[in-house]
């Protein structure tokens, strides 16, 4: 293990506010769903998924129902090959069982997990990168009817949508849909979804509808959450 590497199990809940690191931070989802805003892009880390946050990228996170991730803080330059425009992805085949083993080993205080775990995770992630590249190329052949997806999403604000819901609607896997969203829309899938929700909220507010009713119709947790989202959008 390098001098600047640390492996840990972390539980996430309410947002602590945005921040950044001078090292890579690798999140591997074990349970629950963690929503992040990374350098202006929305991503979700669910069980079996992972995210590589590059040094200097400001990020914020929140898990409404709680989530647990295996987290690696590392300055190893090899992680630069794993950080890409597609921030979130299904874990490479060998990385998922390794993540579960390392999580168990950390809980039981086995010292070799901390000593060798970071290097093993990097090796497993890099070894699984080639299949994702060919998968990425194959998904480019499929056309997504984005206006139709927008219309469908506009009818779903009463429930909590996620990337898997969007992907199923266009017959793609979550990782395939995330890649296509970045290609076609220039943003992460959750960022695209939030943009659609916010656009609908703006439209309803423009009619003079009360903030509380707009929040209810567009799925925001509270009127204040909607107001904060609108204010952030204006600031950008």
C-alpha atoms as a PDB file:
ATOM      1  CA  UNK A   1       0.000   0.000   0.000  1.00  0.00           C
ATOM      2  CA  UNK A   2       1.311   3.477  -0.882  1.00  0.00           C
ATOM      3  CA  UNK A   3       1.901   6.117   1.760  1.00  0.00           C
ATOM      4  CA  UNK A   4      -1.150   8.087   0.578  1.00  0.00           C
ATOM      5  CA  UNK A   5      -3.707   5.259   0.411  1.00  0.00           C
ATOM      6  CA  UNK A   6      -6.462   4.495   2.877  1.00  0.00           C
ATOM      7  CA  UNK A   7      -9.297   1.978   2.639  1.00  0.00           C
ATOM      8  CA  UNK A   8     -12.429   2.356   4.760  1.00  0.00           C
ATOM      9  CA  UNK A   9     -16.116   1.499   5.101  1.00  0.00           C
ATOM     10  CA  UNK A  10     -18.350   4.573   5.244  1.00  0.00           C
ATOM     11  CA  UNK A  11     -22.018   5.154   5.920  1.00  0.00           C
ATOM     12  CA  UNK A  12     -23.631   8.091   4.138  1.00  0.00           C
ATOM     13  CA  UNK A  13     -26.721  10.085   4.962  1.00  0.00           C
ATOM     14  CA  UNK A  14     -27.393  13.822   4.886  1.00  0.00           C
ATOM     15  CA  UNK A  15     -25.227  16.098   2.777  1.00  0.00           C
ATOM     16  CA  UNK A  16     -22.180  17.585   4.569  1.00  0.00           C
ATOM     17  CA  UNK A  17     -21.699  20.273   1.901  1.00  0.00           C
ATOM     18  CA  UNK A  18     -19.444  20.322  -1.150  1.00  0.00           C
ATOM     19  CA  UNK A  19     -15.701  19.753  -0.857  1.00  0.00           C
ATOM     20  CA  UNK A  20     -12.742  18.418  -2.826  1.00  0.00           C
ATOM     21  CA  UNK A  21      -9.592  16.361  -2.234  1.00  0.00           C
ATOM     22  CA  UNK A  22      -6.045  16.473  -3.557  1.00  0.00           C
ATOM     23  CA  UNK A  23      -6.196  12.717  -4.194  1.00  0.00           C
ATOM     24  CA  UNK A  24      -8.437  10.233  -5.999  1.00  0.00           C
ATOM     25  CA  UNK A  25     -11.473   8.989  -4.119  1.00  0.00           C
ATOM     26  CA  UNK A  26     -12.963   5.689  -5.266  1.00  0.00           C
ATOM     27  CA  UNK A  27     -16.447   4.727  -4.074  1.00  0.00           C
ATOM     28  CA  UNK A  28     -17.747   1.162  -4.410  1.00  0.00           C
ATOM     29  CA  UNK A  29     -21.431   0.703  -3.584  1.00  0.00           C
ATOM     30  CA  UNK A  30     -22.323  -2.050  -1.100  1.00  0.00           C
ATOM     31  CA  UNK A  31     -25.836  -1.150   0.048  1.00  0.00           C
ATOM     32  CA  UNK A  32     -28.338   1.661  -0.430  1.00  0.00           C
ATOM     33  CA  UNK A  33     -28.006   4.392  -3.052  1.00  0.00           C
ATOM     34  CA  UNK A  34     -25.692   7.383  -2.825  1.00  0.00           C
ATOM     35  CA  UNK A  35     -26.420  10.448  -4.990  1.00  0.00           C
ATOM     36  CA  UNK A  36     -23.479  12.698  -5.750  1.00  0.00           C
ATOM     37  CA  UNK A  37     -22.846  15.948  -7.548  1.00  0.00           C
ATOM     38  CA  UNK A  38     -19.305  15.717  -8.964  1.00  0.00           C
ATOM     39  CA  UNK A  39     -17.853  18.714 -10.797  1.00  0.00           C
ATOM     40  CA  UNK A  40     -21.359  19.763 -11.779  1.00  0.00           C
ATOM     41  CA  UNK A  41     -22.495  16.293 -12.904  1.00  0.00           C
ATOM     42  CA  UNK A  42     -25.008  14.140 -11.058  1.00  0.00           C
ATOM     43  CA  UNK A  43     -24.100  10.496 -10.465  1.00  0.00           C
ATOM     44  CA  UNK A  44     -25.534   7.663  -8.385  1.00  0.00           C
ATOM     45  CA  UNK A  45     -23.556   4.884  -6.724  1.00  0.00           C
ATOM     46  CA  UNK A  46     -25.800   1.886  -6.069  1.00  0.00           C
ATOM     47  CA  UNK A  47     -24.823  -1.645  -4.966  1.00  0.00           C
ATOM     48  CA  UNK A  48     -22.530  -3.105  -7.619  1.00  0.00           C
ATOM     49  CA  UNK A  49     -21.632   0.344  -8.946  1.00  0.00           C
ATOM     50  CA  UNK A  50     -18.557   2.483  -8.534  1.00  0.00           C
ATOM     51  CA  UNK A  51     -17.326   6.021  -8.996  1.00  0.00           C
ATOM     52  CA  UNK A  52     -13.818   7.474  -9.368  1.00  0.00           C
ATOM     53  CA  UNK A  53     -13.568  11.117  -8.250  1.00  0.00           C
ATOM     54  CA  UNK A  54     -10.475  12.871  -9.583  1.00  0.00           C
ATOM     55  CA  UNK A  55      -8.286  15.179  -7.473  1.00  0.00           C
ATOM     56  CA  UNK A  56      -9.679  18.692  -7.325  1.00  0.00           C
ATOM     57  CA  UNK A  57     -13.233  17.753  -8.400  1.00  0.00           C
ATOM     58  CA  UNK A  58     -15.686  19.444  -6.037  1.00  0.00           C
ATOM     59  CA  UNK A  59     -18.370  17.039  -4.942  1.00  0.00           C
ATOM     60  CA  UNK A  60     -21.331  16.751  -2.624  1.00  0.00           C
ATOM     61  CA  UNK A  61     -23.331  13.677  -1.662  1.00  0.00           C
ATOM     62  CA  UNK A  62     -26.559  12.640  -0.032  1.00  0.00           C
ATOM     63  CA  UNK A  63     -28.332   9.364   0.679  1.00  0.00           C
ATOM     64  CA  UNK A  64     -31.968   9.804   1.663  1.00  0.00           C
ATOM     65  CA  UNK A  65     -32.283   6.261   3.021  1.00  0.00           C
ATOM     66  CA  UNK A  66     -28.668   5.662   3.985  1.00  0.00           C
ATOM     67  CA  UNK A  67     -25.949   3.840   2.064  1.00  0.00           C
ATOM     68  CA  UNK A  68     -22.691   2.020   2.712  1.00  0.00           C
ATOM     69  CA  UNK A  69     -19.664   2.228   0.416  1.00  0.00           C
ATOM     70  CA  UNK A  70     -16.168   0.848   0.422  1.00  0.00           C
ATOM     71  CA  UNK A  71     -14.031   3.969  -0.015  1.00  0.00           C
ATOM     72  CA  UNK A  72     -10.444   4.179  -1.179  1.00  0.00           C
ATOM     73  CA  UNK A  73      -8.533   7.449  -0.853  1.00  0.00           C
ATOM     74  CA  UNK A  74      -5.477   7.144  -3.064  1.00  0.00           C
ATOM     75  CA  UNK A  75      -2.805   9.289  -4.696  1.00  0.00           C
ATOM     76  CA  UNK A  76      -1.727   6.413  -6.961  1.00  0.00           C
ATOM     77  CA  UNK A  77      -1.418   7.791 -10.539  1.00  0.00           C
ATOM     78  CA  UNK A  78      -2.860   4.564 -11.963  1.00  0.00           C
ATOM     79  CA  UNK A  79      -6.349   5.710 -10.997  1.00  0.00           C
ATOM     80  CA  UNK A  80      -6.134   8.431 -13.648  1.00  0.00           C
ATOM     81  CA  UNK A  81      -6.766   5.670 -16.210  1.00  0.00           C
ATOM     82  CA  UNK A  82     -10.024   4.793 -14.435  1.00  0.00           C
ATOM     83  CA  UNK A  83     -11.342   8.347 -14.075  1.00  0.00           C
ATOM     84  CA  UNK A  84     -13.265   9.257 -17.218  1.00  0.00           C
ATOM     85  CA  UNK A  85     -16.250  11.247 -18.474  1.00  0.00           C
ATOM     86  CA  UNK A  86     -18.411   8.289 -17.455  1.00  0.00           C
ATOM     87  CA  UNK A  87     -18.104   8.926 -13.720  1.00  0.00           C
ATOM     88  CA  UNK A  88     -20.220   6.045 -12.555  1.00  0.00           C
ATOM     89  CA  UNK A  89     -20.150   2.514 -13.875  1.00  0.00           C
ATOM     90  CA  UNK A  90     -20.928  -1.080 -13.039  1.00  0.00           C
ATOM     91  CA  UNK A  91     -17.934  -2.489 -11.199  1.00  0.00           C
ATOM     92  CA  UNK A  92     -15.591  -4.664 -13.271  1.00  0.00           C
ATOM     93  CA  UNK A  93     -16.281  -8.376 -12.811  1.00  0.00           C
ATOM     94  CA  UNK A  94     -13.353  -9.051 -10.474  1.00  0.00           C
ATOM     95  CA  UNK A  95     -13.767  -5.838  -8.467  1.00  0.00           C
ATOM     96  CA  UNK A  96     -17.235  -6.570  -7.069  1.00  0.00           C
ATOM     97  CA  UNK A  97     -16.447  -9.771  -5.093  1.00  0.00           C
ATOM     98  CA  UNK A  98     -13.130  -8.198  -4.068  1.00  0.00           C
ATOM     99  CA  UNK A  99     -14.962  -5.154  -2.690  1.00  0.00           C
ATOM    100  CA  UNK A 100     -17.256  -7.383  -0.625  1.00  0.00           C
ATOM    101  CA  UNK A 101     -14.311  -9.378   0.701  1.00  0.00           C
ATOM    102  CA  UNK A 102     -12.357  -6.254   1.641  1.00  0.00           C
ATOM    103  CA  UNK A 103     -15.415  -4.772   3.370  1.00  0.00           C
ATOM    104  CA  UNK A 104     -15.765  -7.938   5.467  1.00  0.00           C
ATOM    105  CA  UNK A 105     -12.037  -8.019   6.185  1.00  0.00           C
ATOM    106  CA  UNK A 106     -12.034  -4.396   7.359  1.00  0.00           C
ATOM    107  CA  UNK A 107     -14.926  -5.116   9.706  1.00  0.00           C
ATOM    108  CA  UNK A 108     -12.989  -8.044  11.175  1.00  0.00           C
ATOM    109  CA  UNK A 109      -9.764  -6.078  11.486  1.00  0.00           C
ATOM    110  CA  UNK A 110      -7.683  -8.191   9.100  1.00  0.00           C
ATOM    111  CA  UNK A 111      -4.532  -6.102   8.484  1.00  0.00           C
ATOM    112  CA  UNK A 112      -3.733  -7.448   4.997  1.00  0.00           C
ATOM    113  CA  UNK A 113      -6.935  -5.894   3.642  1.00  0.00           C
ATOM    114  CA  UNK A 114      -5.611  -2.416   4.375  1.00  0.00           C
ATOM    115  CA  UNK A 115      -2.089  -3.320   3.260  1.00  0.00           C
ATOM    116  CA  UNK A 116      -2.860  -4.951  -0.091  1.00  0.00           C
ATOM    117  CA  UNK A 117      -6.489  -3.996  -0.781  1.00  0.00           C
ATOM    118  CA  UNK A 118      -5.780  -0.697  -2.592  1.00  0.00           C
ATOM    119  CA  UNK A 119      -3.383  -2.297  -5.077  1.00  0.00           C
ATOM    120  CA  UNK A 120      -5.717  -5.244  -5.687  1.00  0.00           C
ATOM    121  CA  UNK A 121      -8.660  -2.913  -6.348  1.00  0.00           C
ATOM    122  CA  UNK A 122      -6.680  -0.906  -8.895  1.00  0.00           C
ATOM    123  CA  UNK A 123      -5.517  -4.085 -10.627  1.00  0.00           C
ATOM    124  CA  UNK A 124      -9.074  -5.477 -10.776  1.00  0.00           C
ATOM    125  CA  UNK A 125     -10.492  -2.172 -12.060  1.00  0.00           C
ATOM    126  CA  UNK A 126      -7.878  -1.805 -14.794  1.00  0.00           C
ATOM    127  CA  UNK A 127      -8.255  -5.443 -15.837  1.00  0.00           C
ATOM    128  CA  UNK A 128     -11.988  -4.906 -16.342  1.00  0.00           C
ATOM    129  CA  UNK A 129     -11.703  -1.683 -18.344  1.00  0.00           C
ATOM    130  CA  UNK A 130     -11.358  -3.261 -21.810  1.00  0.00           C
ATOM    131  CA  UNK A 131     -14.802  -4.929 -21.850  1.00  0.00           C
ATOM    132  CA  UNK A 132     -16.396  -1.598 -20.905  1.00  0.00           C
ATOM    133  CA  UNK A 133     -14.728   0.040 -23.897  1.00  0.00           C
ATOM    134  CA  UNK A 134     -16.207  -2.435 -26.376  1.00  0.00           C
ATOM    135  CA  UNK A 135     -19.563  -2.219 -24.626  1.00  0.00           C
ATOM    136  CA  UNK A 136     -19.410   1.561 -24.930  1.00  0.00           C
ATOM    137  CA  UNK A 137     -18.857   1.317 -28.680  1.00  0.00           C
ATOM    138  CA  UNK A 138     -21.739  -1.109 -29.160  1.00  0.00           C
ATOM    139  CA  UNK A 139     -24.223   1.105 -27.328  1.00  0.00           C
ATOM    140  CA  UNK A 140     -23.524   3.976 -29.713  1.00  0.00           C
ATOM    141  CA  UNK A 141     -25.490   2.102 -32.368  1.00  0.00           C
ATOM    142  CA  UNK A 142     -28.749   2.413 -30.433  1.00  0.00           C
ATOM    143  CA  UNK A 143     -30.801   5.601 -30.849  1.00  0.00           C
ATOM    144  CA  UNK A 144     -32.535   7.071 -27.805  1.00  0.00           C
ATOM    145  CA  UNK A 145     -35.699   9.074 -28.407  1.00  0.00           C
ATOM    146  CA  UNK A 146     -34.898  11.794 -25.875  1.00  0.00           C
ATOM    147  CA  UNK A 147     -38.110  13.838 -26.395  1.00  0.00           C
ATOM    148  CA  UNK A 148     -40.172  10.694 -25.751  1.00  0.00           C
ATOM    149  CA  UNK A 149     -38.117   9.962 -22.635  1.00  0.00           C
ATOM    150  CA  UNK A 150     -38.684  13.529 -21.461  1.00  0.00           C
ATOM    151  CA  UNK A 151     -42.440  13.136 -21.876  1.00  0.00           C
ATOM    152  CA  UNK A 152     -42.384   9.842 -19.974  1.00  0.00           C
ATOM    153  CA  UNK A 153     -40.312  11.309 -17.115  1.00  0.00           C
ATOM    154  CA  UNK A 154     -42.707  14.270 -16.847  1.00  0.00           C
ATOM    155  CA  UNK A 155     -45.433  11.820 -15.815  1.00  0.00           C
ATOM    156  CA  UNK A 156     -43.304  10.122 -13.149  1.00  0.00           C
ATOM    157  CA  UNK A 157     -42.446  12.916 -10.709  1.00  0.00           C
ATOM    158  CA  UNK A 158     -44.737  11.397  -8.070  1.00  0.00           C
ATOM    159  CA  UNK A 159     -42.114   8.697  -7.499  1.00  0.00           C
ATOM    160  CA  UNK A 160     -38.348   8.633  -6.996  1.00  0.00           C
ATOM    161  CA  UNK A 161     -36.787   7.883 -10.382  1.00  0.00           C
ATOM    162  CA  UNK A 162     -33.279   6.512 -10.783  1.00  0.00           C
ATOM    163  CA  UNK A 163     -30.929   5.613 -13.631  1.00  0.00           C
ATOM    164  CA  UNK A 164     -32.252   2.053 -13.791  1.00  0.00           C
ATOM    165  CA  UNK A 165     -35.791   3.366 -14.412  1.00  0.00           C
ATOM    166  CA  UNK A 166     -34.601   5.542 -17.299  1.00  0.00           C
ATOM    167  CA  UNK A 167     -32.477   2.746 -18.745  1.00  0.00           C
ATOM    168  CA  UNK A 168     -35.341   0.247 -18.651  1.00  0.00           C
ATOM    169  CA  UNK A 169     -37.558   2.680 -20.529  1.00  0.00           C
ATOM    170  CA  UNK A 170     -35.134   2.684 -23.493  1.00  0.00           C
ATOM    171  CA  UNK A 171     -34.111  -0.987 -23.158  1.00  0.00           C
ATOM    172  CA  UNK A 172     -30.527  -0.408 -22.019  1.00  0.00           C
ATOM    173  CA  UNK A 173     -28.602  -1.416 -18.912  1.00  0.00           C
ATOM    174  CA  UNK A 174     -27.965   1.376 -16.357  1.00  0.00           C
ATOM    175  CA  UNK A 175     -24.268   1.582 -17.305  1.00  0.00           C
ATOM    176  CA  UNK A 176     -25.118   1.692 -21.024  1.00  0.00           C
ATOM    177  CA  UNK A 177     -27.691   4.424 -20.480  1.00  0.00           C
ATOM    178  CA  UNK A 178     -25.259   6.458 -18.352  1.00  0.00           C
ATOM    179  CA  UNK A 179     -22.677   6.291 -21.150  1.00  0.00           C
ATOM    180  CA  UNK A 180     -25.209   7.277 -23.810  1.00  0.00           C
ATOM    181  CA  UNK A 181     -26.484  10.177 -21.707  1.00  0.00           C
ATOM    182  CA  UNK A 182     -22.976  11.595 -21.459  1.00  0.00           C
ATOM    183  CA  UNK A 183     -22.491  11.138 -25.215  1.00  0.00           C
ATOM    184  CA  UNK A 184     -25.817  12.584 -26.336  1.00  0.00           C
ATOM    185  CA  UNK A 185     -26.617  15.123 -23.615  1.00  0.00           C
ATOM    186  CA  UNK A 186     -23.173  15.993 -22.271  1.00  0.00           C
ATOM    187  CA  UNK A 187     -24.121  15.228 -18.665  1.00  0.00           C
ATOM    188  CA  UNK A 188     -24.727  12.377 -16.249  1.00  0.00           C
ATOM    189  CA  UNK A 189     -28.065  10.598 -16.197  1.00  0.00           C
ATOM    190  CA  UNK A 190     -29.104  11.960 -12.799  1.00  0.00           C
ATOM    191  CA  UNK A 191     -28.074  15.480 -13.802  1.00  0.00           C
ATOM    192  CA  UNK A 192     -30.254  15.130 -16.914  1.00  0.00           C
ATOM    193  CA  UNK A 193     -33.160  13.893 -14.811  1.00  0.00           C
ATOM    194  CA  UNK A 194     -32.774  16.739 -12.319  1.00  0.00           C
ATOM    195  CA  UNK A 195     -32.718  19.185 -15.211  1.00  0.00           C
ATOM    196  CA  UNK A 196     -36.012  17.807 -16.541  1.00  0.00           C
ATOM    197  CA  UNK A 197     -37.606  17.981 -13.097  1.00  0.00           C
ATOM    198  CA  UNK A 198     -36.414  21.537 -12.588  1.00  0.00           C
ATOM    199  CA  UNK A 199     -37.658  22.607 -16.038  1.00  0.00           C
ATOM    200  CA  UNK A 200     -41.104  21.245 -15.182  1.00  0.00           C
ATOM    201  CA  UNK A 201     -41.041  23.065 -11.847  1.00  0.00           C
ATOM    202  CA  UNK A 202     -40.113  26.344 -13.568  1.00  0.00           C
ATOM    203  CA  UNK A 203     -42.949  25.851 -16.041  1.00  0.00           C
ATOM    204  CA  UNK A 204     -45.490  25.346 -13.259  1.00  0.00           C
ATOM    205  CA  UNK A 205     -44.146  28.281 -11.240  1.00  0.00           C
ATOM    206  CA  UNK A 206     -44.543  30.430 -14.346  1.00  0.00           C
ATOM    207  CA  UNK A 207     -48.269  29.787 -14.236  1.00  0.00           C
ATOM    208  CA  UNK A 208     -48.449  31.305 -10.743  1.00  0.00           C
ATOM    209  CA  UNK A 209     -48.861  27.972  -8.962  1.00  0.00           C
ATOM    210  CA  UNK A 210     -47.841  28.020  -5.280  1.00  0.00           C
ATOM    211  CA  UNK A 211     -44.360  26.726  -4.445  1.00  0.00           C
ATOM    212  CA  UNK A 212     -45.752  24.006  -2.158  1.00  0.00           C
ATOM    213  CA  UNK A 213     -48.001  22.639  -4.907  1.00  0.00           C
ATOM    214  CA  UNK A 214     -45.208  22.768  -7.489  1.00  0.00           C
ATOM    215  CA  UNK A 215     -42.924  20.872  -5.096  1.00  0.00           C
ATOM    216  CA  UNK A 216     -45.604  18.219  -4.558  1.00  0.00           C
ATOM    217  CA  UNK A 217     -46.256  17.758  -8.278  1.00  0.00           C
ATOM    218  CA  UNK A 218     -42.591  17.564  -9.257  1.00  0.00           C
ATOM    219  CA  UNK A 219     -41.401  15.289  -6.454  1.00  0.00           C
ATOM    220  CA  UNK A 220     -39.297  17.674  -4.361  1.00  0.00           C
ATOM    221  CA  UNK A 221     -39.099  16.754  -0.688  1.00  0.00           C
ATOM    222  CA  UNK A 222     -40.341  20.168   0.437  1.00  0.00           C
ATOM    223  CA  UNK A 223     -41.012  23.685  -0.855  1.00  0.00           C
ATOM    224  CA  UNK A 224     -37.652  24.776   0.575  1.00  0.00           C
ATOM    225  CA  UNK A 225     -35.876  22.010  -1.377  1.00  0.00           C
ATOM    226  CA  UNK A 226     -37.484  23.291  -4.584  1.00  0.00           C
ATOM    227  CA  UNK A 227     -36.617  26.895  -3.763  1.00  0.00           C
ATOM    228  CA  UNK A 228     -32.989  25.906  -3.089  1.00  0.00           C
ATOM    229  CA  UNK A 229     -32.796  24.007  -6.393  1.00  0.00           C
ATOM    230  CA  UNK A 230     -34.161  26.982  -8.314  1.00  0.00           C
ATOM    231  CA  UNK A 231     -31.712  29.317  -6.585  1.00  0.00           C
ATOM    232  CA  UNK A 232     -28.726  27.062  -7.387  1.00  0.00           C
ATOM    233  CA  UNK A 233     -29.777  26.944 -11.031  1.00  0.00           C
ATOM    234  CA  UNK A 234     -29.984  30.740 -11.180  1.00  0.00           C
ATOM    235  CA  UNK A 235     -26.531  31.085  -9.608  1.00  0.00           C
ATOM    236  CA  UNK A 236     -25.074  28.932 -12.387  1.00  0.00           C
END
